[in-house]
Amino acid sequence: MARGFTMQEKEMIRFKLITEGKRLFGKYGLQKTNIAQLTREADISPATFYKFFDSKEELYFYIFEEEMHNTQSMLLEKVMTHDEDSESSAIQSMLMTGIELSKKDPFLEQLFSGHNLSQMLQTRSKDEIEAHILNDYKQFAPVIEHLQKSGKVISVDPKVLTIIIQLFFLLQEHRSKFDSEIFDQAMQLLANWISQGITQENN
């Protein structure tokens, strides 16, 4: 009778799947990456893969949530510790830094190119998507509320401001439909409008 994995072995396998999954998804995208590639690179059998994730889409979603959480944490820290001339400039810088990070990180670049994001969301349940949106709100809300209390950001429901920021980043999925230089200029202008619109100094 085959023995089960120890806790340490489980942690190592999970780490390898996430690490190799991020690399392969970043190189080939969701659709062109398959279970055989993932298990070969992680040096495990397909049967072992399914002990950790139900599908490649579930693994992709896990990596997506982890990447978004880490990126958003860094961007929010940038706003809280900024040395810009104004809050508006700090928020604009945060938005554009997020765009630049998504272009430099292979996984995030693949996520927002083609239809990777749409394909992933189609495989997740309504409850999973709602939970992800709620987690985003919980991450943004403390920073937004702090800025509101200090009079730096307009007093509207933090959920509204969170959605505005989310929508800004989701626009990247349409980058391939436009000339890249024009698209970047449009995003820069939009970041400027958003940052000016939500800060008290401009209202």
N, C-alpha and C. Protein backbone atom coordinates (compact mmCIF):
# COMPACT_ATOMS: atom_id res chain seq x y z
N MET A 1 0.84 -1.20 0.00
CA MET A 1 0.00 0.00 0.00
C MET A 1 0.88 1.25 0.00
N ALA A 2 0.63 2.13 -0.97
CA ALA A 2 1.45 3.34 -1.09
C ALA A 2 1.18 4.29 0.08
N ARG A 3 2.25 4.86 0.60
CA ARG A 3 2.08 5.79 1.71
C ARG A 3 1.63 7.15 1.20
N GLY A 4 0.98 7.92 2.07
CA GLY A 4 0.57 9.26 1.69
C GLY A 4 1.74 10.22 1.82
N PHE A 5 1.54 11.43 1.35
CA PHE A 5 2.59 12.44 1.44
C PHE A 5 2.65 13.01 2.85
N THR A 6 3.85 13.32 3.29
CA THR A 6 4.01 14.01 4.56
C THR A 6 3.59 15.47 4.37
N MET A 7 3.39 16.18 5.46
CA MET A 7 3.01 17.59 5.37
C MET A 7 4.07 18.40 4.63
N GLN A 8 5.33 18.08 4.89
CA GLN A 8 6.43 18.78 4.22
C GLN A 8 6.41 18.51 2.72
N GLU A 9 6.14 17.25 2.35
CA GLU A 9 6.08 16.90 0.93
C GLU A 9 4.90 17.60 0.25
N LYS A 10 3.77 17.67 0.94
CA LYS A 10 2.61 18.36 0.38
C LYS A 10 2.91 19.83 0.14
N GLU A 11 3.57 20.46 1.09
CA GLU A 11 3.92 21.87 0.94
C GLU A 11 4.87 22.08 -0.23
N MET A 12 5.82 21.15 -0.39
CA MET A 12 6.78 21.25 -1.49
C MET A 12 6.10 21.06 -2.84
N ILE A 13 5.21 20.08 -2.94
CA ILE A 13 4.49 19.84 -4.20
C ILE A 13 3.62 21.04 -4.56
N ARG A 14 2.92 21.55 -3.57
CA ARG A 14 2.06 22.71 -3.82
C ARG A 14 2.89 23.91 -4.27
N PHE A 15 4.03 24.11 -3.63
CA PHE A 15 4.92 25.21 -4.00
C PHE A 15 5.40 25.05 -5.44
N LYS A 16 5.79 23.83 -5.81
CA LYS A 16 6.28 23.58 -7.17
C LYS A 16 5.18 23.79 -8.20
N LEU A 17 3.97 23.35 -7.88
CA LEU A 17 2.85 23.53 -8.81
C LEU A 17 2.55 25.01 -9.03
N ILE A 18 2.57 25.77 -7.96
CA ILE A 18 2.29 27.20 -8.06
C ILE A 18 3.41 27.92 -8.81
N THR A 19 4.66 27.56 -8.49
CA THR A 19 5.81 28.20 -9.13
C THR A 19 5.86 27.88 -10.62
N GLU A 20 5.74 26.59 -10.95
CA GLU A 20 5.79 26.18 -12.35
C GLU A 20 4.53 26.62 -13.10
N GLY A 21 3.40 26.62 -12.39
CA GLY A 21 2.16 27.08 -13.01
C GLY A 21 2.27 28.54 -13.41
N LYS A 22 2.79 29.36 -12.52
CA LYS A 22 2.96 30.78 -12.83
C LYS A 22 3.88 30.96 -14.04
N ARG A 23 4.96 30.19 -14.08
CA ARG A 23 5.91 30.31 -15.19
C ARG A 23 5.29 29.86 -16.51
N LEU A 24 4.61 28.72 -16.50
CA LEU A 24 4.02 28.19 -17.73
C LEU A 24 2.84 29.03 -18.20
N PHE A 25 1.99 29.44 -17.28
CA PHE A 25 0.86 30.30 -17.65
C PHE A 25 1.38 31.64 -18.19
N GLY A 26 2.48 32.12 -17.61
CA GLY A 26 3.06 33.37 -18.07
C GLY A 26 3.66 33.25 -19.46
N LYS A 27 4.09 32.04 -19.80
CA LYS A 27 4.72 31.82 -21.11
C LYS A 27 3.70 31.45 -22.19
N TYR A 28 2.74 30.59 -21.84
CA TYR A 28 1.82 30.05 -22.84
C TYR A 28 0.37 30.52 -22.69
N GLY A 29 0.02 31.07 -21.53
CA GLY A 29 -1.37 31.43 -21.30
C GLY A 29 -2.17 30.25 -20.77
N LEU A 30 -3.41 30.51 -20.38
CA LEU A 30 -4.25 29.48 -19.77
C LEU A 30 -4.62 28.38 -20.76
N GLN A 31 -5.08 28.77 -21.93
CA GLN A 31 -5.59 27.79 -22.89
C GLN A 31 -4.51 26.83 -23.40
N LYS A 32 -3.30 27.35 -23.63
CA LYS A 32 -2.24 26.54 -24.24
C LYS A 32 -1.39 25.78 -23.23
N THR A 33 -1.67 25.97 -21.95
CA THR A 33 -0.97 25.20 -20.92
C THR A 33 -1.84 24.01 -20.53
N ASN A 34 -1.25 22.82 -20.44
CA ASN A 34 -2.04 21.65 -20.10
C ASN A 34 -1.50 20.94 -18.85
N ILE A 35 -2.28 19.99 -18.37
CA ILE A 35 -1.92 19.27 -17.15
C ILE A 35 -0.60 18.51 -17.32
N ALA A 36 -0.37 17.97 -18.52
CA ALA A 36 0.87 17.22 -18.77
C ALA A 36 2.09 18.10 -18.57
N GLN A 37 2.03 19.33 -19.06
CA GLN A 37 3.14 20.26 -18.88
C GLN A 37 3.34 20.59 -17.40
N LEU A 38 2.25 20.88 -16.72
CA LEU A 38 2.32 21.26 -15.31
C LEU A 38 2.91 20.14 -14.46
N THR A 39 2.45 18.92 -14.69
CA THR A 39 2.93 17.80 -13.87
C THR A 39 4.37 17.42 -14.22
N ARG A 40 4.73 17.55 -15.50
CA ARG A 40 6.11 17.25 -15.89
C ARG A 40 7.08 18.23 -15.24
N GLU A 41 6.76 19.51 -15.29
CA GLU A 41 7.66 20.51 -14.73
C GLU A 41 7.70 20.46 -13.20
N ALA A 42 6.60 20.03 -12.59
CA ALA A 42 6.57 19.91 -11.13
C ALA A 42 7.07 18.54 -10.67
N ASP A 43 7.35 17.66 -11.64
CA ASP A 43 7.87 16.31 -11.37
C ASP A 43 6.91 15.50 -10.50
N ILE A 44 5.63 15.52 -10.89
CA ILE A 44 4.62 14.72 -10.20
C ILE A 44 3.74 14.04 -11.25
N SER A 45 2.90 13.12 -10.82
CA SER A 45 1.99 12.44 -11.73
C SER A 45 0.69 13.24 -11.85
N PRO A 46 -0.07 13.04 -12.94
CA PRO A 46 -1.37 13.70 -13.06
C PRO A 46 -2.29 13.39 -11.88
N ALA A 47 -2.23 12.16 -11.39
CA ALA A 47 -3.07 11.78 -10.25
C ALA A 47 -2.74 12.63 -9.03
N THR A 48 -1.45 12.91 -8.85
CA THR A 48 -1.03 13.74 -7.71
C THR A 48 -1.52 15.17 -7.89
N PHE A 49 -1.48 15.67 -9.12
CA PHE A 49 -1.96 17.04 -9.38
C PHE A 49 -3.38 17.21 -8.84
N TYR A 50 -4.24 16.22 -9.12
CA TYR A 50 -5.65 16.35 -8.75
C TYR A 50 -5.90 16.19 -7.25
N LYS A 51 -4.87 15.86 -6.51
CA LYS A 51 -4.99 15.86 -5.05
C LYS A 51 -4.87 17.28 -4.50
N PHE A 52 -4.36 18.19 -5.35
CA PHE A 52 -4.14 19.57 -4.92
C PHE A 52 -5.08 20.57 -5.60
N PHE A 53 -5.37 20.33 -6.87
CA PHE A 53 -6.25 21.23 -7.62
C PHE A 53 -7.18 20.40 -8.50
N ASP A 54 -8.42 20.84 -8.63
CA ASP A 54 -9.39 20.10 -9.43
C ASP A 54 -9.14 20.25 -10.93
N SER A 55 -8.47 21.32 -11.32
CA SER A 55 -8.24 21.59 -12.74
C SER A 55 -7.13 22.62 -12.89
N LYS A 56 -6.65 22.78 -14.11
CA LYS A 56 -5.64 23.81 -14.35
C LYS A 56 -6.25 25.19 -14.13
N GLU A 57 -7.55 25.31 -14.38
CA GLU A 57 -8.23 26.60 -14.17
C GLU A 57 -8.25 26.98 -12.70
N GLU A 58 -8.42 25.99 -11.83
CA GLU A 58 -8.40 26.28 -10.39
C GLU A 58 -7.01 26.73 -9.96
N LEU A 59 -5.98 26.08 -10.49
CA LEU A 59 -4.60 26.50 -10.20
C LEU A 59 -4.37 27.92 -10.70
N TYR A 60 -4.83 28.19 -11.90
CA TYR A 60 -4.67 29.53 -12.49
C TYR A 60 -5.34 30.58 -11.62
N PHE A 61 -6.55 30.28 -11.16
CA PHE A 61 -7.30 31.22 -10.33
C PHE A 61 -6.58 31.46 -9.00
N TYR A 62 -6.01 30.40 -8.44
CA TYR A 62 -5.26 30.54 -7.18
C TYR A 62 -4.07 31.48 -7.39
N ILE A 63 -3.32 31.26 -8.48
CA ILE A 63 -2.16 32.11 -8.76
C ILE A 63 -2.60 33.54 -9.03
N PHE A 64 -3.69 33.69 -9.76
CA PHE A 64 -4.26 35.01 -10.05
C PHE A 64 -4.56 35.76 -8.76
N GLU A 65 -5.24 35.11 -7.83
CA GLU A 65 -5.59 35.77 -6.57
C GLU A 65 -4.34 36.15 -5.77
N GLU A 66 -3.36 35.26 -5.76
CA GLU A 66 -2.12 35.52 -5.04
C GLU A 66 -1.36 36.69 -5.67
N GLU A 67 -1.29 36.71 -6.99
CA GLU A 67 -0.58 37.78 -7.70
C GLU A 67 -1.27 39.12 -7.50
N MET A 68 -2.60 39.13 -7.60
CA MET A 68 -3.33 40.38 -7.44
C MET A 68 -3.20 40.91 -6.02
N HIS A 69 -3.27 40.02 -5.04
CA HIS A 69 -3.14 40.45 -3.64
C HIS A 69 -1.76 41.08 -3.40
N ASN A 70 -0.71 40.42 -3.88
CA ASN A 70 0.64 40.93 -3.67
C ASN A 70 0.87 42.25 -4.40
N THR A 71 0.37 42.34 -5.63
CA THR A 71 0.54 43.56 -6.41
C THR A 71 -0.23 44.72 -5.78
N GLN A 72 -1.47 44.45 -5.38
CA GLN A 72 -2.28 45.50 -4.77
C GLN A 72 -1.70 45.96 -3.43
N SER A 73 -1.14 45.04 -2.67
CA SER A 73 -0.50 45.41 -1.40
C SER A 73 0.65 46.38 -1.64
N MET A 74 1.44 46.09 -2.66
CA MET A 74 2.57 46.95 -2.98
C MET A 74 2.10 48.33 -3.45
N LEU A 75 1.05 48.36 -4.27
CA LEU A 75 0.55 49.63 -4.79
C LEU A 75 -0.07 50.48 -3.68
N LEU A 76 -0.80 49.84 -2.77
CA LEU A 76 -1.41 50.57 -1.66
C LEU A 76 -0.35 51.11 -0.71
N GLU A 77 0.70 50.33 -0.52
CA GLU A 77 1.82 50.80 0.30
C GLU A 77 2.46 52.02 -0.33
N LYS A 78 2.50 52.02 -1.65
CA LYS A 78 3.07 53.16 -2.38
C LYS A 78 2.27 54.43 -2.12
N VAL A 79 0.95 54.30 -2.05
CA VAL A 79 0.09 55.46 -1.77
C VAL A 79 0.29 55.95 -0.34
N MET A 80 0.39 55.01 0.60
CA MET A 80 0.48 55.39 2.01
C MET A 80 1.83 56.00 2.37
N THR A 81 2.87 55.69 1.61
CA THR A 81 4.21 56.16 1.95
C THR A 81 4.80 57.06 0.87
N HIS A 82 3.94 57.64 0.06
CA HIS A 82 4.41 58.39 -1.11
C HIS A 82 5.15 59.67 -0.72
N ASP A 83 5.98 60.14 -1.66
CA ASP A 83 6.66 61.43 -1.49
C ASP A 83 6.31 62.36 -2.66
N GLU A 84 5.11 62.13 -3.21
CA GLU A 84 4.64 62.97 -4.31
C GLU A 84 4.20 64.33 -3.76
N ASP A 85 3.97 65.29 -4.67
CA ASP A 85 3.58 66.63 -4.27
C ASP A 85 2.15 66.68 -3.73
N SER A 86 1.31 65.75 -4.15
CA SER A 86 -0.08 65.75 -3.73
C SER A 86 -0.64 64.34 -3.72
N GLU A 87 -1.79 64.18 -3.07
CA GLU A 87 -2.45 62.88 -3.03
C GLU A 87 -2.89 62.46 -4.43
N SER A 88 -3.31 63.44 -5.21
CA SER A 88 -3.71 63.16 -6.58
C SER A 88 -2.55 62.56 -7.38
N SER A 89 -1.37 63.14 -7.23
CA SER A 89 -0.19 62.63 -7.94
C SER A 89 0.17 61.23 -7.47
N ALA A 90 -0.01 60.98 -6.16
CA ALA A 90 0.32 59.67 -5.60
C ALA A 90 -0.61 58.59 -6.15
N ILE A 91 -1.90 58.91 -6.25
CA ILE A 91 -2.87 57.94 -6.76
C ILE A 91 -2.63 57.69 -8.25
N GLN A 92 -2.34 58.75 -8.98
CA GLN A 92 -2.04 58.59 -10.41
C GLN A 92 -0.79 57.72 -10.59
N SER A 93 0.22 57.95 -9.76
CA SER A 93 1.44 57.16 -9.83
C SER A 93 1.15 55.70 -9.51
N MET A 94 0.28 55.45 -8.52
CA MET A 94 -0.09 54.09 -8.16
C MET A 94 -0.74 53.38 -9.34
N LEU A 95 -1.68 54.06 -9.99
CA LEU A 95 -2.40 53.47 -11.12
C LEU A 95 -1.44 53.12 -12.27
N MET A 96 -0.56 54.05 -12.60
CA MET A 96 0.35 53.81 -13.71
C MET A 96 1.44 52.79 -13.36
N THR A 97 1.83 52.75 -12.08
CA THR A 97 2.79 51.73 -11.65
C THR A 97 2.17 50.34 -11.82
N GLY A 98 0.88 50.23 -11.50
CA GLY A 98 0.18 48.96 -11.69
C GLY A 98 0.18 48.52 -13.14
N ILE A 99 0.00 49.48 -14.04
CA ILE A 99 0.03 49.17 -15.48
C ILE A 99 1.42 48.67 -15.89
N GLU A 100 2.45 49.37 -15.42
CA GLU A 100 3.82 48.98 -15.78
C GLU A 100 4.18 47.61 -15.22
N LEU A 101 3.75 47.33 -13.99
CA LEU A 101 4.02 46.02 -13.39
C LEU A 101 3.36 44.91 -14.19
N SER A 102 2.15 45.15 -14.65
CA SER A 102 1.43 44.12 -15.40
C SER A 102 2.07 43.86 -16.76
N LYS A 103 2.81 44.83 -17.28
CA LYS A 103 3.50 44.64 -18.56
C LYS A 103 4.84 43.92 -18.38
N LYS A 104 5.42 44.04 -17.18
CA LYS A 104 6.72 43.43 -16.92
C LYS A 104 6.62 42.02 -16.37
N ASP A 105 5.54 41.72 -15.67
CA ASP A 105 5.35 40.40 -15.08
C ASP A 105 4.71 39.48 -16.12
N PRO A 106 5.38 38.39 -16.53
CA PRO A 106 4.85 37.51 -17.58
C PRO A 106 3.45 36.97 -17.29
N PHE A 107 3.19 36.59 -16.03
CA PHE A 107 1.86 36.05 -15.71
C PHE A 107 0.79 37.12 -15.88
N LEU A 108 1.03 38.31 -15.32
CA LEU A 108 0.05 39.38 -15.42
C LEU A 108 -0.11 39.86 -16.86
N GLU A 109 0.98 39.87 -17.60
CA GLU A 109 0.90 40.29 -19.00
C GLU A 109 0.02 39.32 -19.79
N GLN A 110 0.21 38.02 -19.56
CA GLN A 110 -0.63 37.01 -20.22
C GLN A 110 -2.08 37.12 -19.75
N LEU A 111 -2.25 37.41 -18.46
CA LEU A 111 -3.60 37.51 -17.90
C LEU A 111 -4.43 38.54 -18.65
N PHE A 112 -3.80 39.69 -18.94
CA PHE A 112 -4.54 40.78 -19.56
C PHE A 112 -4.42 40.81 -21.08
N SER A 113 -3.75 39.83 -21.66
CA SER A 113 -3.65 39.78 -23.12
C SER A 113 -4.57 38.68 -23.64
N GLY A 114 -5.06 38.87 -24.84
CA GLY A 114 -5.97 37.87 -25.39
C GLY A 114 -7.23 37.76 -24.56
N HIS A 115 -7.59 36.51 -24.22
CA HIS A 115 -8.83 36.30 -23.48
C HIS A 115 -8.59 35.49 -22.20
N ASN A 116 -7.37 35.53 -21.66
CA ASN A 116 -7.04 34.74 -20.48
C ASN A 116 -7.93 35.07 -19.28
N LEU A 117 -8.13 36.36 -19.04
CA LEU A 117 -8.95 36.78 -17.90
C LEU A 117 -10.39 36.32 -18.08
N SER A 118 -10.95 36.55 -19.26
CA SER A 118 -12.33 36.15 -19.53
C SER A 118 -12.50 34.64 -19.42
N GLN A 119 -11.54 33.90 -19.97
CA GLN A 119 -11.61 32.44 -19.92
C GLN A 119 -11.57 31.94 -18.48
N MET A 120 -10.71 32.55 -17.67
CA MET A 120 -10.61 32.13 -16.28
C MET A 120 -11.91 32.39 -15.54
N LEU A 121 -12.47 33.58 -15.71
CA LEU A 121 -13.68 33.95 -14.98
C LEU A 121 -14.87 33.08 -15.37
N GLN A 122 -14.88 32.62 -16.62
CA GLN A 122 -15.97 31.76 -17.08
C GLN A 122 -15.96 30.40 -16.38
N THR A 123 -14.80 30.01 -15.85
CA THR A 123 -14.70 28.70 -15.20
C THR A 123 -14.96 28.76 -13.70
N ARG A 124 -15.07 29.97 -13.15
CA ARG A 124 -15.26 30.11 -11.71
C ARG A 124 -16.73 30.34 -11.38
N SER A 125 -17.13 29.91 -10.21
CA SER A 125 -18.52 30.06 -9.80
C SER A 125 -18.81 31.50 -9.40
N LYS A 126 -20.08 31.83 -9.35
CA LYS A 126 -20.49 33.17 -8.93
C LYS A 126 -19.98 33.47 -7.52
N ASP A 127 -20.04 32.46 -6.65
CA ASP A 127 -19.58 32.64 -5.26
C ASP A 127 -18.09 32.95 -5.21
N GLU A 128 -17.30 32.27 -6.05
CA GLU A 128 -15.85 32.50 -6.06
C GLU A 128 -15.53 33.91 -6.53
N ILE A 129 -16.23 34.36 -7.57
CA ILE A 129 -15.98 35.70 -8.10
C ILE A 129 -16.39 36.75 -7.08
N GLU A 130 -17.54 36.54 -6.44
CA GLU A 130 -18.00 37.50 -5.42
C GLU A 130 -17.03 37.53 -4.24
N ALA A 131 -16.49 36.37 -3.88
CA ALA A 131 -15.52 36.32 -2.77
C ALA A 131 -14.25 37.07 -3.14
N HIS A 132 -13.83 36.94 -4.40
CA HIS A 132 -12.63 37.65 -4.86
C HIS A 132 -12.85 39.17 -4.81
N ILE A 133 -14.01 39.61 -5.27
CA ILE A 133 -14.33 41.04 -5.24
C ILE A 133 -14.37 41.55 -3.81
N LEU A 134 -14.94 40.75 -2.90
CA LEU A 134 -15.01 41.14 -1.49
C LEU A 134 -13.61 41.23 -0.89
N ASN A 135 -12.74 40.30 -1.23
CA ASN A 135 -11.37 40.33 -0.71
C ASN A 135 -10.62 41.57 -1.21
N ASP A 136 -10.87 41.93 -2.47
CA ASP A 136 -10.27 43.16 -3.00
C ASP A 136 -10.73 44.36 -2.19
N TYR A 137 -12.02 44.40 -1.91
CA TYR A 137 -12.58 45.52 -1.14
C TYR A 137 -11.95 45.58 0.25
N LYS A 138 -11.82 44.42 0.90
CA LYS A 138 -11.23 44.39 2.24
C LYS A 138 -9.78 44.87 2.22
N GLN A 139 -9.11 44.66 1.10
CA GLN A 139 -7.72 45.10 0.98
C GLN A 139 -7.64 46.61 0.76
N PHE A 140 -8.54 47.14 -0.05
CA PHE A 140 -8.51 48.56 -0.38
C PHE A 140 -9.17 49.44 0.69
N ALA A 141 -10.22 48.93 1.32
CA ALA A 141 -11.04 49.74 2.21
C ALA A 141 -10.27 50.46 3.32
N PRO A 142 -9.37 49.78 4.06
CA PRO A 142 -8.66 50.48 5.14
C PRO A 142 -7.86 51.69 4.66
N VAL A 143 -7.23 51.56 3.49
CA VAL A 143 -6.44 52.67 2.95
C VAL A 143 -7.36 53.80 2.51
N ILE A 144 -8.43 53.45 1.81
CA ILE A 144 -9.38 54.47 1.34
C ILE A 144 -10.01 55.20 2.52
N GLU A 145 -10.43 54.45 3.54
CA GLU A 145 -11.06 55.06 4.71
C GLU A 145 -10.08 55.96 5.46
N HIS A 146 -8.82 55.55 5.53
CA HIS A 146 -7.80 56.38 6.17
C HIS A 146 -7.64 57.71 5.43
N LEU A 147 -7.59 57.64 4.11
CA LEU A 147 -7.44 58.86 3.30
C LEU A 147 -8.69 59.74 3.40
N GLN A 148 -9.85 59.11 3.53
CA GLN A 148 -11.09 59.88 3.68
C GLN A 148 -11.12 60.60 5.03
N LYS A 149 -10.71 59.91 6.08
CA LYS A 149 -10.70 60.51 7.42
C LYS A 149 -9.73 61.68 7.51
N SER A 150 -8.66 61.59 6.73
CA SER A 150 -7.67 62.68 6.74
C SER A 150 -8.05 63.79 5.75
N GLY A 151 -9.21 63.63 5.11
CA GLY A 151 -9.70 64.67 4.21
C GLY A 151 -9.03 64.71 2.86
N LYS A 152 -8.35 63.64 2.48
CA LYS A 152 -7.60 63.65 1.22
C LYS A 152 -8.36 63.03 0.05
N VAL A 153 -9.38 62.23 0.37
CA VAL A 153 -10.17 61.56 -0.66
C VAL A 153 -11.64 61.84 -0.41
N ILE A 154 -12.41 61.99 -1.48
CA ILE A 154 -13.82 62.34 -1.37
C ILE A 154 -14.59 61.29 -0.56
N SER A 155 -15.64 61.76 0.11
CA SER A 155 -16.42 60.88 1.00
C SER A 155 -17.54 60.19 0.22
N VAL A 156 -17.18 59.10 -0.41
CA VAL A 156 -18.16 58.22 -1.05
C VAL A 156 -17.89 56.81 -0.54
N ASP A 157 -18.81 55.91 -0.79
CA ASP A 157 -18.65 54.53 -0.35
C ASP A 157 -17.31 53.98 -0.87
N PRO A 158 -16.44 53.48 0.02
CA PRO A 158 -15.16 52.90 -0.42
C PRO A 158 -15.31 51.82 -1.48
N LYS A 159 -16.46 51.14 -1.49
CA LYS A 159 -16.70 50.12 -2.51
C LYS A 159 -16.72 50.74 -3.90
N VAL A 160 -17.26 51.95 -3.99
CA VAL A 160 -17.33 52.64 -5.27
C VAL A 160 -15.93 52.95 -5.78
N LEU A 161 -15.07 53.46 -4.89
CA LEU A 161 -13.70 53.80 -5.28
C LEU A 161 -12.90 52.54 -5.62
N THR A 162 -13.16 51.46 -4.89
CA THR A 162 -12.48 50.19 -5.18
C THR A 162 -12.85 49.70 -6.57
N ILE A 163 -14.14 49.79 -6.92
CA ILE A 163 -14.60 49.35 -8.24
C ILE A 163 -13.98 50.20 -9.34
N ILE A 164 -13.86 51.51 -9.11
CA ILE A 164 -13.24 52.40 -10.10
C ILE A 164 -11.81 51.95 -10.39
N ILE A 165 -11.06 51.64 -9.32
CA ILE A 165 -9.67 51.20 -9.48
C ILE A 165 -9.62 49.86 -10.20
N GLN A 166 -10.52 48.94 -9.83
CA GLN A 166 -10.56 47.63 -10.48
C GLN A 166 -10.85 47.77 -11.97
N LEU A 167 -11.83 48.61 -12.30
CA LEU A 167 -12.20 48.80 -13.71
C LEU A 167 -11.04 49.38 -14.51
N PHE A 168 -10.29 50.27 -13.88
CA PHE A 168 -9.14 50.86 -14.57
C PHE A 168 -8.17 49.77 -15.00
N PHE A 169 -7.84 48.87 -14.08
CA PHE A 169 -6.88 47.81 -14.41
C PHE A 169 -7.46 46.78 -15.37
N LEU A 170 -8.77 46.53 -15.29
CA LEU A 170 -9.40 45.56 -16.18
C LEU A 170 -9.40 46.02 -17.64
N LEU A 171 -9.28 47.32 -17.85
CA LEU A 171 -9.23 47.84 -19.22
C LEU A 171 -8.04 47.30 -20.00
N GLN A 172 -7.03 46.83 -19.29
CA GLN A 172 -5.83 46.31 -19.97
C GLN A 172 -6.13 45.11 -20.85
N GLU A 173 -7.22 44.42 -20.56
CA GLU A 173 -7.58 43.26 -21.38
C GLU A 173 -7.85 43.67 -22.83
N HIS A 174 -8.11 44.95 -23.04
CA HIS A 174 -8.43 45.44 -24.39
C HIS A 174 -7.22 46.06 -25.09
N ARG A 175 -6.05 45.96 -24.47
CA ARG A 175 -4.84 46.57 -25.04
C ARG A 175 -4.57 46.11 -26.47
N SER A 176 -4.74 44.82 -26.72
CA SER A 176 -4.40 44.26 -28.04
C SER A 176 -5.29 44.79 -29.16
N LYS A 177 -6.40 45.42 -28.81
CA LYS A 177 -7.32 45.93 -29.83
C LYS A 177 -6.89 47.29 -30.37
N PHE A 178 -5.91 47.92 -29.72
CA PHE A 178 -5.51 49.27 -30.08
C PHE A 178 -4.01 49.36 -30.30
N ASP A 179 -3.59 50.44 -30.93
CA ASP A 179 -2.17 50.74 -31.02
C ASP A 179 -1.63 50.91 -29.60
N SER A 180 -0.54 50.22 -29.27
CA SER A 180 -0.06 50.20 -27.88
C SER A 180 0.33 51.58 -27.37
N GLU A 181 0.93 52.39 -28.22
CA GLU A 181 1.34 53.73 -27.79
C GLU A 181 0.13 54.60 -27.48
N ILE A 182 -0.88 54.54 -28.34
CA ILE A 182 -2.10 55.31 -28.13
C ILE A 182 -2.83 54.81 -26.88
N PHE A 183 -2.85 53.48 -26.70
CA PHE A 183 -3.51 52.91 -25.53
C PHE A 183 -2.85 53.40 -24.25
N ASP A 184 -1.52 53.41 -24.22
CA ASP A 184 -0.79 53.87 -23.03
C ASP A 184 -1.09 55.34 -22.73
N GLN A 185 -1.18 56.14 -23.78
CA GLN A 185 -1.50 57.56 -23.59
C GLN A 185 -2.91 57.73 -23.02
N ALA A 186 -3.83 56.90 -23.52
CA ALA A 186 -5.21 56.96 -23.04
C ALA A 186 -5.28 56.55 -21.57
N MET A 187 -4.53 55.52 -21.19
CA MET A 187 -4.52 55.07 -19.80
C MET A 187 -3.90 56.12 -18.88
N GLN A 188 -2.88 56.80 -19.37
CA GLN A 188 -2.25 57.87 -18.59
C GLN A 188 -3.25 59.00 -18.34
N LEU A 189 -3.99 59.36 -19.37
CA LEU A 189 -4.99 60.42 -19.24
C LEU A 189 -6.11 59.99 -18.31
N LEU A 190 -6.55 58.75 -18.44
CA LEU A 190 -7.61 58.23 -17.58
C LEU A 190 -7.16 58.18 -16.12
N ALA A 191 -5.91 57.78 -15.89
CA ALA A 191 -5.37 57.75 -14.52
C ALA A 191 -5.36 59.16 -13.93
N ASN A 192 -5.06 60.14 -14.76
CA ASN A 192 -5.06 61.53 -14.31
C ASN A 192 -6.47 61.98 -13.94
N TRP A 193 -7.44 61.65 -14.77
CA TRP A 193 -8.84 62.02 -14.49
C TRP A 193 -9.34 61.36 -13.20
N ILE A 194 -9.03 60.07 -13.04
CA ILE A 194 -9.49 59.35 -11.85
C ILE A 194 -8.87 59.96 -10.60
N SER A 195 -7.56 60.17 -10.63
CA SER A 195 -6.86 60.68 -9.44
C SER A 195 -7.35 62.07 -9.06
N GLN A 196 -7.62 62.90 -10.05
CA GLN A 196 -8.13 64.24 -9.76
C GLN A 196 -9.58 64.19 -9.29
N GLY A 197 -10.33 63.24 -9.83
CA GLY A 197 -11.75 63.16 -9.49
C GLY A 197 -12.04 62.65 -8.10
N ILE A 198 -11.14 61.84 -7.53
CA ILE A 198 -11.45 61.24 -6.22
C ILE A 198 -10.72 61.90 -5.06
N THR A 199 -9.88 62.90 -5.36
CA THR A 199 -9.15 63.57 -4.27
C THR A 199 -9.80 64.90 -3.93
N GLN A 200 -9.77 65.23 -2.64
CA GLN A 200 -10.42 66.43 -2.14
C GLN A 200 -9.78 67.70 -2.66
N GLU A 201 -8.49 67.64 -2.95
CA GLU A 201 -7.78 68.85 -3.36
C GLU A 201 -8.30 69.41 -4.68
N ASN A 202 -9.01 68.52 -5.43
CA ASN A 202 -9.54 68.95 -6.72
C ASN A 202 -11.05 69.08 -6.71
N ASN A 203 -11.67 69.03 -5.53
CA ASN A 203 -13.13 69.09 -5.43
C ASN A 203 -13.54 70.20 -4.46
